[in-house]
C-alpha atoms as a PDB file:
ATOM      1  CA  MET A   1      10.953  39.174  89.649  1.00  0.00           C
ATOM      2  CA  LYS A   2       8.249  41.540  90.803  1.00  0.00           C
ATOM      3  CA  LYS A   3       4.626  40.333  90.618  1.00  0.00           C
ATOM      4  CA  ILE A   4       2.420  41.293  87.868  1.00  0.00           C
ATOM      5  CA  LYS A   5      -0.295  43.425  89.213  1.00  0.00           C
ATOM      6  CA  VAL A   6      -3.837  42.851  87.725  1.00  0.00           C
ATOM      7  CA  LEU A   7      -7.068  44.623  87.996  1.00  0.00           C
ATOM      8  CA  VAL A   8     -10.112  42.493  87.264  1.00  0.00           C
ATOM      9  CA  VAL A   9     -13.252  44.456  85.985  1.00  0.00           C
ATOM     10  CA  ASP A  10     -16.372  42.542  85.609  1.00  0.00           C
ATOM     11  CA  ASP A  11     -20.248  43.031  86.734  1.00  0.00           C
ATOM     12  CA  SER A  12     -20.448  39.427  87.733  1.00  0.00           C
ATOM     13  CA  ALA A  13     -19.683  38.900  91.422  1.00  0.00           C
ATOM     14  CA  LEU A  14     -18.944  35.329  90.403  1.00  0.00           C
ATOM     15  CA  MET A  15     -16.439  36.580  87.850  1.00  0.00           C
ATOM     16  CA  ARG A  16     -14.708  38.922  90.365  1.00  0.00           C
ATOM     17  CA  LYS A  17     -14.208  35.802  92.656  1.00  0.00           C
ATOM     18  CA  MET A  18     -13.259  33.181  89.981  1.00  0.00           C
ATOM     19  CA  ILE A  19     -10.785  35.163  87.846  1.00  0.00           C
ATOM     20  CA  PRO A  20      -8.581  36.172  90.923  1.00  0.00           C
ATOM     21  CA  GLN A  21      -8.763  32.600  92.038  1.00  0.00           C
ATOM     22  CA  ILE A  22      -7.613  31.550  88.344  1.00  0.00           C
ATOM     23  CA  LEU A  23      -4.817  33.832  88.227  1.00  0.00           C
ATOM     24  CA  SER A  24      -3.591  33.105  91.737  1.00  0.00           C
ATOM     25  CA  ALA A  25      -2.326  29.748  90.340  1.00  0.00           C
ATOM     26  CA  ASP A  26       0.616  31.646  88.809  1.00  0.00           C
ATOM     27  CA  PRO A  27       2.848  32.844  91.674  1.00  0.00           C
ATOM     28  CA  ASP A  28       4.139  35.715  89.661  1.00  0.00           C
ATOM     29  CA  ILE A  29       0.612  37.211  89.348  1.00  0.00           C
ATOM     30  CA  GLU A  30      -1.208  39.305  92.022  1.00  0.00           C
ATOM     31  CA  VAL A  31      -4.878  40.617  91.456  1.00  0.00           C
ATOM     32  CA  ILE A  32      -4.639  43.969  93.315  1.00  0.00           C
ATOM     33  CA  GLY A  33      -8.324  44.847  93.010  1.00  0.00           C
ATOM     34  CA  THR A  34     -11.609  44.205  91.296  1.00  0.00           C
ATOM     35  CA  ALA A  35     -14.223  46.615  89.889  1.00  0.00           C
ATOM     36  CA  MET A  36     -17.910  45.987  88.980  1.00  0.00           C
ATOM     37  CA  ASP A  37     -18.259  48.435  86.041  1.00  0.00           C
ATOM     38  CA  GLY A  38     -16.015  50.826  83.950  1.00  0.00           C
ATOM     39  CA  LEU A  39     -16.434  54.032  86.277  1.00  0.00           C
ATOM     40  CA  PHE A  40     -15.114  51.924  89.269  1.00  0.00           C
ATOM     41  CA  ALA A  41     -12.282  50.775  87.075  1.00  0.00           C
ATOM     42  CA  LEU A  42     -11.211  53.920  85.984  1.00  0.00           C
ATOM     43  CA  LYS A  43     -11.108  55.321  89.335  1.00  0.00           C
ATOM     44  CA  LYS A  44      -9.176  52.032  90.793  1.00  0.00           C
ATOM     45  CA  ILE A  45      -6.711  52.159  87.654  1.00  0.00           C
ATOM     46  CA  ASN A  46      -5.722  55.704  88.791  1.00  0.00           C
ATOM     47  CA  ASP A  47      -5.412  54.566  92.292  1.00  0.00           C
ATOM     48  CA  LEU A  48      -3.727  51.216  92.182  1.00  0.00           C
ATOM     49  CA  LYS A  49      -1.828  51.517  88.807  1.00  0.00           C
ATOM     50  CA  PRO A  50      -2.122  47.872  87.647  1.00  0.00           C
ATOM     51  CA  ASP A  51       0.216  46.253  85.224  1.00  0.00           C
ATOM     52  CA  VAL A  52      -2.507  44.537  83.275  1.00  0.00           C
ATOM     53  CA  ILE A  53      -6.305  44.676  83.318  1.00  0.00           C
ATOM     54  CA  THR A  54      -8.875  42.045  82.692  1.00  0.00           C
ATOM     55  CA  LEU A  55     -12.062  43.468  81.228  1.00  0.00           C
ATOM     56  CA  ASP A  56     -15.653  42.506  80.506  1.00  0.00           C
ATOM     57  CA  VAL A  57     -17.544  44.059  77.844  1.00  0.00           C
ATOM     58  CA  ASN A  58     -21.023  43.965  78.957  1.00  0.00           C
ATOM     59  CA  MET A  59     -21.483  46.135  82.223  1.00  0.00           C
ATOM     60  CA  PRO A  60     -23.932  48.707  83.556  1.00  0.00           C
ATOM     61  CA  ARG A  61     -23.126  52.542  83.891  1.00  0.00           C
ATOM     62  CA  MET A  62     -20.046  52.357  81.811  1.00  0.00           C
ATOM     63  CA  ASP A  63     -19.441  49.201  79.636  1.00  0.00           C
ATOM     64  CA  GLY A  64     -16.068  47.759  78.546  1.00  0.00           C
ATOM     65  CA  ILE A  65     -15.982  49.372  75.217  1.00  0.00           C
ATOM     66  CA  GLU A  66     -16.206  53.027  76.719  1.00  0.00           C
ATOM     67  CA  ALA A  67     -13.757  52.173  79.468  1.00  0.00           C
ATOM     68  CA  LEU A  68     -11.323  50.653  77.186  1.00  0.00           C
ATOM     69  CA  ARG A  69     -11.419  53.970  75.276  1.00  0.00           C
ATOM     70  CA  HIS A  70     -10.432  55.856  78.418  1.00  0.00           C
ATOM     71  CA  ILE A  71      -7.630  53.073  79.402  1.00  0.00           C
ATOM     72  CA  VAL A  72      -5.900  53.475  76.136  1.00  0.00           C
ATOM     73  CA  LYS A  73      -6.141  57.273  75.916  1.00  0.00           C
ATOM     74  CA  ASN A  74      -5.256  58.164  79.502  1.00  0.00           C
ATOM     75  CA  PHE A  75      -3.501  55.095  80.986  1.00  0.00           C
ATOM     76  CA  GLY A  76      -1.944  52.921  78.218  1.00  0.00           C
ATOM     77  CA  THR A  77      -2.415  49.774  80.543  1.00  0.00           C
ATOM     78  CA  PRO A  78      -2.603  46.332  78.384  1.00  0.00           C
ATOM     79  CA  THR A  79      -6.023  45.164  78.716  1.00  0.00           C
ATOM     80  CA  ILE A  80      -7.288  41.558  78.060  1.00  0.00           C
ATOM     81  CA  ILE A  81     -10.928  41.238  77.144  1.00  0.00           C
ATOM     82  CA  VAL A  82     -12.947  38.547  79.009  1.00  0.00           C
ATOM     83  CA  SER A  83     -16.100  38.051  76.739  1.00  0.00           C
ATOM     84  CA  SER A  84     -19.088  35.534  76.460  1.00  0.00           C
ATOM     85  CA  LEU A  85     -19.536  33.400  73.314  1.00  0.00           C
ATOM     86  CA  THR A  86     -22.476  35.344  71.993  1.00  0.00           C
ATOM     87  CA  GLN A  87     -22.865  37.202  68.628  1.00  0.00           C
ATOM     88  CA  LYS A  88     -23.146  40.450  70.417  1.00  0.00           C
ATOM     89  CA  ASP A  89     -20.164  39.996  72.739  1.00  0.00           C
ATOM     90  CA  ALA A  90     -18.145  38.794  69.638  1.00  0.00           C
ATOM     91  CA  GLU A  91     -18.859  41.980  67.845  1.00  0.00           C
ATOM     92  CA  LEU A  92     -18.002  43.968  70.911  1.00  0.00           C
ATOM     93  CA  THR A  93     -14.762  42.003  71.204  1.00  0.00           C
ATOM     94  CA  LEU A  94     -13.532  42.668  67.784  1.00  0.00           C
ATOM     95  CA  ASN A  95     -14.418  46.292  68.487  1.00  0.00           C
ATOM     96  CA  ALA A  96     -12.139  46.117  71.379  1.00  0.00           C
ATOM     97  CA  LEU A  97      -9.299  44.758  69.544  1.00  0.00           C
ATOM     98  CA  GLU A  98      -9.648  47.695  66.984  1.00  0.00           C
ATOM     99  CA  ILE A  99      -9.410  50.225  69.926  1.00  0.00           C
ATOM    100  CA  GLY A 100      -6.486  48.880  71.404  1.00  0.00           C
ATOM    101  CA  ALA A 101      -7.221  45.828  73.574  1.00  0.00           C
ATOM    102  CA  PHE A 102      -4.244  43.390  73.902  1.00  0.00           C
ATOM    103  CA  ASP A 103      -6.124  40.162  73.268  1.00  0.00           C
ATOM    104  CA  PHE A 104      -9.275  38.295  74.527  1.00  0.00           C
ATOM    105  CA  VAL A 105     -10.370  35.078  76.163  1.00  0.00           C
ATOM    106  CA  THR A 106     -13.918  33.758  76.080  1.00  0.00           C
ATOM    107  CA  LYS A 107     -15.936  32.507  79.108  1.00  0.00           C
ATOM    108  CA  PRO A 108     -17.300  29.037  78.783  1.00  0.00           C
ATOM    109  CA  GLN A 109     -20.994  29.005  77.835  1.00  0.00           C
ATOM    110  CA  ASP A 110     -21.596  27.209  81.396  1.00  0.00           C
ATOM    111  CA  ALA A 111     -19.838  30.180  83.111  1.00  0.00           C
ATOM    112  CA  ILE A 112     -21.618  29.680  86.582  1.00  0.00           C
ATOM    113  CA  SER A 113     -19.697  26.249  86.973  1.00  0.00           C
ATOM    114  CA  VAL A 114     -16.190  25.086  87.330  1.00  0.00           C
ATOM    115  CA  HIS A 115     -15.930  25.228  83.680  1.00  0.00           C
ATOM    116  CA  ILE A 116     -14.805  28.804  84.015  1.00  0.00           C
ATOM    117  CA  ARG A 117     -11.617  27.284  84.941  1.00  0.00           C
ATOM    118  CA  GLU A 118     -10.877  26.050  81.418  1.00  0.00           C
ATOM    119  CA  ILE A 119      -9.760  29.307  80.342  1.00  0.00           C
ATOM    120  CA  GLY A 120      -7.244  29.636  83.074  1.00  0.00           C
ATOM    121  CA  ASP A 121      -3.865  28.483  81.435  1.00  0.00           C
ATOM    122  CA  ASP A 122      -4.961  30.720  78.314  1.00  0.00           C
ATOM    123  CA  LEU A 123      -5.757  33.750  80.554  1.00  0.00           C
ATOM    124  CA  ILE A 124      -2.471  33.421  82.508  1.00  0.00           C
ATOM    125  CA  GLN A 125      -0.473  33.221  79.461  1.00  0.00           C
ATOM    126  CA  LYS A 126      -1.972  36.311  77.900  1.00  0.00           C
ATOM    127  CA  VAL A 127      -1.709  38.324  81.128  1.00  0.00           C
ATOM    128  CA  ARG A 128       2.049  37.440  81.331  1.00  0.00           C
ATOM    129  CA  ALA A 129       2.301  38.319  77.608  1.00  0.00           C
ATOM    130  CA  ALA A 130       0.680  41.704  77.974  1.00  0.00           C
ATOM    131  CA  TYR A 131       2.873  42.468  80.756  1.00  0.00           C
ATOM    132  CA  GLU A 132       6.087  41.554  78.813  1.00  0.00           C
ATOM    133  CA  ASN A 133       4.665  43.698  75.866  1.00  0.00           C
ATOM    134  CA  PRO A 134       3.289  46.854  77.475  1.00  0.00           C
ATOM    135  CA  LEU A 135       3.786  48.922  74.278  1.00  0.00           C
ATOM    136  CA  ALA A 136       2.608  46.293  71.963  1.00  0.00           C
ATOM    137  CA  ARG A 137      -0.753  47.804  71.044  1.00  0.00           C
ATOM    138  CA  LEU A 138       0.895  51.163  70.190  1.00  0.00           C
ATOM    139  CA  ARG A 139       2.964  49.310  67.419  1.00  0.00           C
ATOM    140  CA  ILE A 140      -0.295  48.419  65.467  1.00  0.00           C
ATOM    141  CA  LYS A 141      -2.141  51.549  66.458  1.00  0.00           C
ATOM    142  CA  LYS A 142       0.463  53.622  64.807  1.00  0.00           C
ATOM    143  CA  LEU A 143      -0.381  51.980  61.528  1.00  0.00           C
ATOM    144  CA  LYS A 144      -3.269  53.113  59.586  1.00  0.00           C
ATOM    145  CA  THR A 145      -5.730  50.563  58.306  1.00  0.00           C
ATOM    146  CA  ALA A 146      -6.649  51.170  54.779  1.00  0.00           C
ATOM    147  CA  SER A 147     -10.281  52.429  54.121  1.00  0.00           C
ATOM    148  CA  ALA A 148     -12.983  50.326  52.269  1.00  0.00           C
ATOM    149  CA  PRO A 149     -12.275  50.002  48.593  1.00  0.00           C
ATOM    150  CA  LYS A 150     -14.881  51.531  46.194  1.00  0.00           C
ATOM    151  CA  GLU A 151     -15.244  48.227  44.308  1.00  0.00           C
ATOM    152  CA  LYS A 152     -13.905  44.687  44.421  1.00  0.00           C
ATOM    153  CA  ARG A 153     -11.558  43.867  41.516  1.00  0.00           C
ATOM    154  CA  PRO A 154     -12.034  39.988  41.352  1.00  0.00           C
ATOM    155  CA  TYR A 155      -9.328  38.084  39.523  1.00  0.00           C
ATOM    156  CA  PRO A 156     -10.448  36.550  36.289  1.00  0.00           C
ATOM    157  CA  VAL A 157     -10.521  33.101  37.626  1.00  0.00           C
ATOM    158  CA  LYS A 158     -10.550  30.160  35.080  1.00  0.00           C
ATOM    159  CA  LYS A 159      -9.078  27.551  37.316  1.00  0.00           C
ATOM    160  CA  GLY A 160      -7.750  27.137  40.703  1.00  0.00           C
ATOM    161  CA  ALA A 161      -4.804  28.993  42.046  1.00  0.00           C
ATOM    162  CA  GLU A 162      -1.389  27.790  40.931  1.00  0.00           C
ATOM    163  CA  SER A 163       0.283  29.095  43.938  1.00  0.00           C
ATOM    164  CA  VAL A 164      -0.705  29.842  47.489  1.00  0.00           C
ATOM    165  CA  LEU A 165       0.026  32.090  50.469  1.00  0.00           C
ATOM    166  CA  ALA A 166      -0.471  30.462  53.860  1.00  0.00           C
ATOM    167  CA  ILE A 167      -0.612  32.774  56.819  1.00  0.00           C
ATOM    168  CA  GLY A 168      -0.496  31.658  60.624  1.00  0.00           C
ATOM    169  CA  ILE A 169      -1.201  34.261  63.128  1.00  0.00           C
ATOM    170  CA  SER A 170      -2.519  34.846  66.806  1.00  0.00           C
ATOM    171  CA  THR A 171      -2.102  37.668  69.335  1.00  0.00           C
ATOM    172  CA  GLY A 172      -2.162  40.965  67.665  1.00  0.00           C
ATOM    173  CA  GLY A 173      -3.383  39.190  64.524  1.00  0.00           C
ATOM    174  CA  PRO A 174      -6.808  41.014  63.955  1.00  0.00           C
ATOM    175  CA  ASN A 175      -5.420  44.477  63.585  1.00  0.00           C
ATOM    176  CA  ALA A 176      -2.387  43.171  61.614  1.00  0.00           C
ATOM    177  CA  LEU A 177      -4.505  41.521  59.038  1.00  0.00           C
ATOM    178  CA  ALA A 178      -6.578  44.703  58.813  1.00  0.00           C
ATOM    179  CA  TYR A 179      -3.636  46.499  57.995  1.00  0.00           C
ATOM    180  CA  LEU A 180      -2.078  43.890  55.559  1.00  0.00           C
ATOM    181  CA  LEU A 181      -5.010  42.513  53.616  1.00  0.00           C
ATOM    182  CA  PRO A 182      -6.556  45.800  52.279  1.00  0.00           C
ATOM    183  CA  GLN A 183      -3.080  46.500  50.554  1.00  0.00           C
ATOM    184  CA  ILE A 184      -3.346  43.303  48.597  1.00  0.00           C
ATOM    185  CA  PRO A 185      -4.543  44.006  45.174  1.00  0.00           C
ATOM    186  CA  GLY A 186      -7.646  42.581  43.532  1.00  0.00           C
ATOM    187  CA  ASP A 187      -5.811  40.726  40.964  1.00  0.00           C
ATOM    188  CA  PHE A 188      -3.347  38.979  43.412  1.00  0.00           C
ATOM    189  CA  PRO A 189      -2.230  35.715  41.658  1.00  0.00           C
ATOM    190  CA  ALA A 190      -2.321  33.504  44.528  1.00  0.00           C
ATOM    191  CA  GLY A 191      -5.044  32.081  46.780  1.00  0.00           C
ATOM    192  CA  ILE A 192      -4.627  33.096  50.483  1.00  0.00           C
ATOM    193  CA  LEU A 193      -5.426  30.716  53.333  1.00  0.00           C
ATOM    194  CA  ILE A 194      -5.294  32.176  56.926  1.00  0.00           C
ATOM    195  CA  VAL A 195      -5.185  30.584  60.466  1.00  0.00           C
ATOM    196  CA  GLN A 196      -5.964  33.163  63.037  1.00  0.00           C
ATOM    197  CA  HIS A 197      -6.245  31.723  66.602  1.00  0.00           C
ATOM    198  CA  MET A 198      -9.835  32.528  67.485  1.00  0.00           C
ATOM    199  CA  PRO A 199     -12.739  30.593  68.744  1.00  0.00           C
ATOM    200  CA  ALA A 200     -15.941  29.442  67.067  1.00  0.00           C
ATOM    201  CA  GLY A 201     -18.497  32.201  66.628  1.00  0.00           C
ATOM    202  CA  PHE A 202     -15.725  34.870  66.006  1.00  0.00           C
ATOM    203  CA  THR A 203     -14.152  34.025  62.645  1.00  0.00           C
ATOM    204  CA  GLU A 204     -17.267  34.537  60.437  1.00  0.00           C
ATOM    205  CA  MET A 205     -17.842  38.105  61.723  1.00  0.00           C
ATOM    206  CA  PHE A 206     -14.112  38.676  61.446  1.00  0.00           C
ATOM    207  CA  ALA A 207     -13.872  37.716  57.882  1.00  0.00           C
ATOM    208  CA  ALA A 208     -16.794  39.678  57.030  1.00  0.00           C
ATOM    209  CA  ARG A 209     -15.222  42.818  58.481  1.00  0.00           C
ATOM    210  CA  LEU A 210     -12.020  42.188  56.586  1.00  0.00           C
ATOM    211  CA  ASN A 211     -13.913  41.750  53.357  1.00  0.00           C
ATOM    212  CA  ALA A 212     -15.427  45.144  53.687  1.00  0.00           C
ATOM    213  CA  LEU A 213     -11.905  46.586  53.842  1.00  0.00           C
ATOM    214  CA  CYS A 214     -10.299  44.678  51.112  1.00  0.00           C
ATOM    215  CA  LYS A 215     -10.173  44.445  47.188  1.00  0.00           C
ATOM    216  CA  ILE A 216      -9.941  40.724  47.391  1.00  0.00           C
ATOM    217  CA  GLU A 217     -12.494  38.508  48.586  1.00  0.00           C
ATOM    218  CA  VAL A 218     -12.258  37.585  52.243  1.00  0.00           C
ATOM    219  CA  LYS A 219     -14.362  34.688  53.739  1.00  0.00           C
ATOM    220  CA  GLU A 220     -14.690  32.176  56.330  1.00  0.00           C
ATOM    221  CA  ALA A 221     -13.636  28.863  54.824  1.00  0.00           C
ATOM    222  CA  LYS A 222     -16.418  26.373  54.088  1.00  0.00           C
ATOM    223  CA  ASP A 223     -15.662  22.675  53.323  1.00  0.00           C
ATOM    224  CA  GLY A 224     -15.090  22.324  49.648  1.00  0.00           C
ATOM    225  CA  ASP A 225     -14.404  26.102  48.758  1.00  0.00           C
ATOM    226  CA  LEU A 226     -12.086  26.674  46.058  1.00  0.00           C
ATOM    227  CA  ILE A 227      -8.634  28.155  46.517  1.00  0.00           C
ATOM    228  CA  ILE A 228      -8.642  30.624  43.717  1.00  0.00           C
ATOM    229  CA  PRO A 229      -6.520  33.815  42.988  1.00  0.00           C
ATOM    230  CA  GLY A 230      -7.659  36.944  44.764  1.00  0.00           C
ATOM    231  CA  ARG A 231      -9.533  35.072  47.567  1.00  0.00           C
ATOM    232  CA  ALA A 232      -8.635  34.858  51.201  1.00  0.00           C
ATOM    233  CA  LEU A 233     -10.188  31.960  53.299  1.00  0.00           C
ATOM    234  CA  ILE A 234     -10.136  32.238  57.183  1.00  0.00           C
ATOM    235  CA  ALA A 235     -10.060  28.977  59.230  1.00  0.00           C
ATOM    236  CA  PRO A 236     -13.322  28.786  61.107  1.00  0.00           C
ATOM    237  CA  GLY A 237     -12.831  28.628  64.918  1.00  0.00           C
ATOM    238  CA  ASP A 238     -12.524  25.182  66.239  1.00  0.00           C
ATOM    239  CA  TRP A 239     -11.769  23.804  62.831  1.00  0.00           C
ATOM    240  CA  HIS A 240      -8.374  22.751  61.283  1.00  0.00           C
ATOM    241  CA  LEU A 241      -7.887  24.088  57.711  1.00  0.00           C
ATOM    242  CA  LYS A 242      -6.304  21.838  55.074  1.00  0.00           C
ATOM    243  CA  VAL A 243      -6.293  21.713  51.260  1.00  0.00           C
ATOM    244  CA  LYS A 244      -6.838  18.899  48.808  1.00  0.00           C
ATOM    245  CA  ARG A 245      -5.841  18.896  45.011  1.00  0.00           C
ATOM    246  CA  ILE A 246      -8.566  17.599  42.804  1.00  0.00           C
ATOM    247  CA  MET A 247      -7.612  17.732  39.072  1.00  0.00           C
ATOM    248  CA  ASP A 248      -7.092  21.461  38.143  1.00  0.00           C
ATOM    249  CA  ASN A 249      -8.427  22.865  41.383  1.00  0.00           C
ATOM    250  CA  THR A 250      -7.466  22.683  45.175  1.00  0.00           C
ATOM    251  CA  ILE A 251     -10.279  22.932  47.558  1.00  0.00           C
ATOM    252  CA  ALA A 252     -10.341  23.723  51.475  1.00  0.00           C
ATOM    253  CA  VAL A 253     -10.967  20.856  53.702  1.00  0.00           C
ATOM    254  CA  LEU A 254     -12.167  21.235  57.430  1.00  0.00           C
ATOM    255  CA  SER A 255     -11.267  18.817  59.982  1.00  0.00           C
ATOM    256  CA  LYS A 256     -12.109  18.322  63.610  1.00  0.00           C
ATOM    257  CA  SER A 257      -9.058  16.197  64.315  1.00  0.00           C
ATOM    258  CA  THR A 258      -7.152  16.662  67.623  1.00  0.00           C
ATOM    259  CA  ALA A 259      -5.777  20.230  68.572  1.00  0.00           C
ATOM    260  CA  VAL A 260      -2.183  20.751  67.634  1.00  0.00           C
ATOM    261  CA  ASN A 261       0.030  22.849  69.974  1.00  0.00           C
ATOM    262  CA  GLY A 262      -3.179  23.494  71.809  1.00  0.00           C
ATOM    263  CA  HIS A 263      -4.831  24.996  68.855  1.00  0.00           C
ATOM    264  CA  ARG A 264      -7.608  24.154  66.422  1.00  0.00           C
ATOM    265  CA  PRO A 265      -7.185  25.702  63.964  1.00  0.00           C
ATOM    266  CA  SER A 266      -3.464  25.165  64.057  1.00  0.00           C
ATOM    267  CA  ALA A 267      -1.061  26.977  61.548  1.00  0.00           C
ATOM    268  CA  ASP A 268       1.076  23.821  61.538  1.00  0.00           C
ATOM    269  CA  VAL A 269      -1.757  21.776  60.239  1.00  0.00           C
ATOM    270  CA  LEU A 270      -2.428  24.431  57.274  1.00  0.00           C
ATOM    271  CA  PHE A 271       1.442  24.739  56.560  1.00  0.00           C
ATOM    272  CA  ASN A 272       1.810  20.961  56.437  1.00  0.00           C
ATOM    273  CA  SER A 273      -1.100  20.625  54.134  1.00  0.00           C
ATOM    274  CA  VAL A 274      -0.120  23.319  51.628  1.00  0.00           C
ATOM    275  CA  ALA A 275       3.493  21.929  51.600  1.00  0.00           C
ATOM    276  CA  GLU A 276       2.027  18.625  50.611  1.00  0.00           C
ATOM    277  CA  GLU A 277      -0.362  19.798  48.066  1.00  0.00           C
ATOM    278  CA  TYR A 278       1.525  22.696  46.555  1.00  0.00           C
ATOM    279  CA  GLY A 279       5.154  21.791  47.045  1.00  0.00           C
ATOM    280  CA  SER A 280       7.482  24.405  45.708  1.00  0.00           C
ATOM    281  CA  SER A 281       4.551  26.744  44.780  1.00  0.00           C
ATOM    282  CA  ALA A 282       3.698  27.228  48.523  1.00  0.00           C
ATOM    283  CA  THR A 283       4.541  30.348  50.305  1.00  0.00           C
ATOM    284  CA  GLY A 284       4.287  30.285  54.163  1.00  0.00           C
ATOM    285  CA  LEU A 285       4.073  33.377  56.400  1.00  0.00           C
ATOM    286  CA  ILE A 286       4.142  33.432  60.206  1.00  0.00           C
ATOM    287  CA  MET A 287       2.963  36.451  62.035  1.00  0.00           C
ATOM    288  CA  THR A 288       2.541  37.913  65.398  1.00  0.00           C
ATOM    289  CA  GLY A 289       1.448  35.556  68.127  1.00  0.00           C
ATOM    290  CA  MET A 290       2.398  33.739  71.376  1.00  0.00           C
ATOM    291  CA  GLY A 291       3.860  30.342  71.339  1.00  0.00           C
ATOM    292  CA  GLY A 292       5.443  28.282  68.612  1.00  0.00           C
ATOM    293  CA  ASP A 293       2.450  27.100  66.264  1.00  0.00           C
ATOM    294  CA  GLY A 294       3.364  27.024  62.627  1.00  0.00           C
ATOM    295  CA  ALA A 295       7.151  26.895  63.200  1.00  0.00           C
ATOM    296  CA  ASP A 296       7.410  23.177  62.231  1.00  0.00           C
ATOM    297  CA  GLY A 297       4.923  23.641  59.444  1.00  0.00           C
ATOM    298  CA  LEU A 298       7.187  26.335  57.806  1.00  0.00           C
ATOM    299  CA  GLY A 299       9.848  23.733  58.019  1.00  0.00           C
ATOM    300  CA  SER A 300       7.755  21.431  55.803  1.00  0.00           C
ATOM    301  CA  ILE A 301       7.123  24.068  53.365  1.00  0.00           C
ATOM    302  CA  MET A 302      10.896  24.681  53.214  1.00  0.00           C
ATOM    303  CA  GLU A 303      11.777  21.076  52.787  1.00  0.00           C
ATOM    304  CA  LYS A 304       9.290  20.965  49.892  1.00  0.00           C
ATOM    305  CA  GLY A 305      11.056  23.840  47.983  1.00  0.00           C
ATOM    306  CA  GLY A 306       8.508  26.512  48.946  1.00  0.00           C
ATOM    307  CA  PHE A 307       9.160  30.051  50.253  1.00  0.00           C
ATOM    308  CA  THR A 308       8.961  30.968  53.860  1.00  0.00           C
ATOM    309  CA  LEU A 309       8.850  34.327  55.677  1.00  0.00           C
ATOM    310  CA  ALA A 310       8.220  35.816  59.126  1.00  0.00           C
ATOM    311  CA  GLN A 311       7.030  39.432  60.387  1.00  0.00           C
ATOM    312  CA  ASP A 312       9.848  41.124  62.118  1.00  0.00           C
ATOM    313  CA  GLU A 313       9.963  41.570  65.829  1.00  0.00           C
ATOM    314  CA  ASP A 314       9.478  45.517  65.861  1.00  0.00           C
ATOM    315  CA  SER A 315       6.095  45.187  64.240  1.00  0.00           C
ATOM    316  CA  CYS A 316       4.640  42.223  66.151  1.00  0.00           C
ATOM    317  CA  VAL A 317       2.390  42.600  69.135  1.00  0.00           C
ATOM    318  CA  VAL A 318       3.948  39.270  70.423  1.00  0.00           C
ATOM    319  CA  PHE A 319       7.241  38.017  68.783  1.00  0.00           C
ATOM    320  CA  GLY A 320       6.643  34.497  69.805  1.00  0.00           C
ATOM    321  CA  MET A 321       5.562  32.447  66.706  1.00  0.00           C
ATOM    322  CA  PRO A 322       8.020  34.217  64.259  1.00  0.00           C
ATOM    323  CA  LYS A 323      10.896  33.959  66.782  1.00  0.00           C
ATOM    324  CA  VAL A 324      10.456  30.176  67.279  1.00  0.00           C
ATOM    325  CA  ALA A 325      10.299  29.611  63.439  1.00  0.00           C
ATOM    326  CA  ILE A 326      13.431  31.755  62.973  1.00  0.00           C
ATOM    327  CA  GLU A 327      15.267  29.999  65.712  1.00  0.00           C
ATOM    328  CA  LYS A 328      14.493  26.652  64.007  1.00  0.00           C
ATOM    329  CA  ASN A 329      15.977  28.214  60.713  1.00  0.00           C
ATOM    330  CA  HIS A 330      12.781  27.617  59.024  1.00  0.00           C
ATOM    331  CA  VAL A 331      12.410  31.177  57.790  1.00  0.00           C
ATOM    332  CA  LYS A 332      14.155  32.613  54.516  1.00  0.00           C
ATOM    333  CA  GLN A 333      13.137  36.266  54.889  1.00  0.00           C
ATOM    334  CA  ILE A 334      12.026  38.584  57.794  1.00  0.00           C
ATOM    335  CA  VAL A 335      10.004  41.332  56.707  1.00  0.00           C
ATOM    336  CA  SER A 336       7.990  44.232  58.632  1.00  0.00           C
ATOM    337  CA  LEU A 337       4.230  44.565  58.761  1.00  0.00           C
ATOM    338  CA  GLU A 338       4.749  47.866  56.854  1.00  0.00           C
ATOM    339  CA  LYS A 339       6.573  46.446  53.993  1.00  0.00           C
ATOM    340  CA  MET A 340       4.784  43.071  53.786  1.00  0.00           C
ATOM    341  CA  ALA A 341       2.202  43.917  51.183  1.00  0.00           C
ATOM    342  CA  GLY A 342       4.649  45.321  48.769  1.00  0.00           C
ATOM    343  CA  PHE A 343       7.045  42.228  49.301  1.00  0.00           C
ATOM    344  CA  LEU A 344       4.142  39.767  48.773  1.00  0.00           C
ATOM    345  CA  SER A 345       3.103  41.490  45.509  1.00  0.00           C
ATOM    346  CA  ALA A 346       6.531  41.286  44.164  1.00  0.00           C
ATOM    347  CA  HIS A 347       7.219  37.900  45.164  1.00  0.00           C
ATOM    348  CA  PHE A 348       3.911  36.560  43.689  1.00  0.00           C
ATOM    349  CA  SER A 349       4.319  38.536  40.559  1.00  0.00           C
ATOM    350  CA  GLY A 350       7.652  37.196  39.783  1.00  0.00           C
ATOM    351  CA  GLN A 351       9.621  40.497  40.288  1.00  0.00           C
ATOM    352  CA  GLU A 352      13.121  40.428  41.531  1.00  0.00           C
ATOM    353  CA  VAL A 353      13.015  40.686  45.453  1.00  0.00           C
ATOM    354  CA  GLU A 354      16.159  40.778  47.779  1.00  0.00           C
ATOM    355  CA  TYR A 355      15.272  37.757  49.757  1.00  0.00           C
ATOM    356  CA  GLY A 356      18.396  37.917  51.827  1.00  0.00           C
ATOM    357  CA  THR A 357      18.549  35.738  54.932  1.00  0.00           C
ATOM    358  CA  ALA A 358      16.719  35.309  57.936  1.00  0.00           C
END
């Protein structure tokens, strides 16, 4: 196997030293150059032709957002954003994902210490995934995100949702959800719960962006939030999301219990919880993402008589999480992202849907 050639772009001299050291732990990765800002980066991309780029967002002269626009338009090189855990950088990172960045990692707040190595495994995995899926961003960029609705059409709620749609998603998720959720009608009859692998500090802003696009309500989940039709709750970064039945209602329960499959929030935790509380009224959907989080939880939903489905390979940025679930025979139906909203609307309205087999 030829080595994966990486260009590291960061205005911090420490980062330009530390990130190559981190990546060198993988014998299949070679850092072929570094750049201190976007202008230097564009020249080096042209000269060195890297397979993958790591890109800071806050840089002088030409920042990461402007550089990324050039990269997407002129080079098509998979790019991983390396950002700080600040509100400003969170907003810039979400902008970068919309433009076409493959994924992102966050620097520890104490980035001038050895704590920077904490992102090592995550960064290496994402560099490898970006290399293996060079056209991944184009799959999502071909899809047009729905425009903001003129008005919300809230479901006339008298009690909690009798059925629930639980979604587990990771790499490629922000753009996939920005395509899917605006197509969900305001009178959608089920509650929606989402685990998007994303760190603390990002999910509230991400939920607010989706809410502006959607007819349904989208918000970051808070402890005790009601699960009601026409509302989507997104698990906060660094918190597991579960549900609990209380008389005629079901509420969101947040937990700081141990990470599962390396994640908190974890799709398996959510799926296991909705399987227990909703049984045959639960539907589990696993979408684009690396790894295998959520596969076993879908099995729990299936065992309780619920329905399970997965996003198809062609519309995934990374066909990792769906693939594992399918290989474990925990998926009843495979659906493309383009057809997902229509399928879900038909499924939850009781219309006849050709489920077929996975």
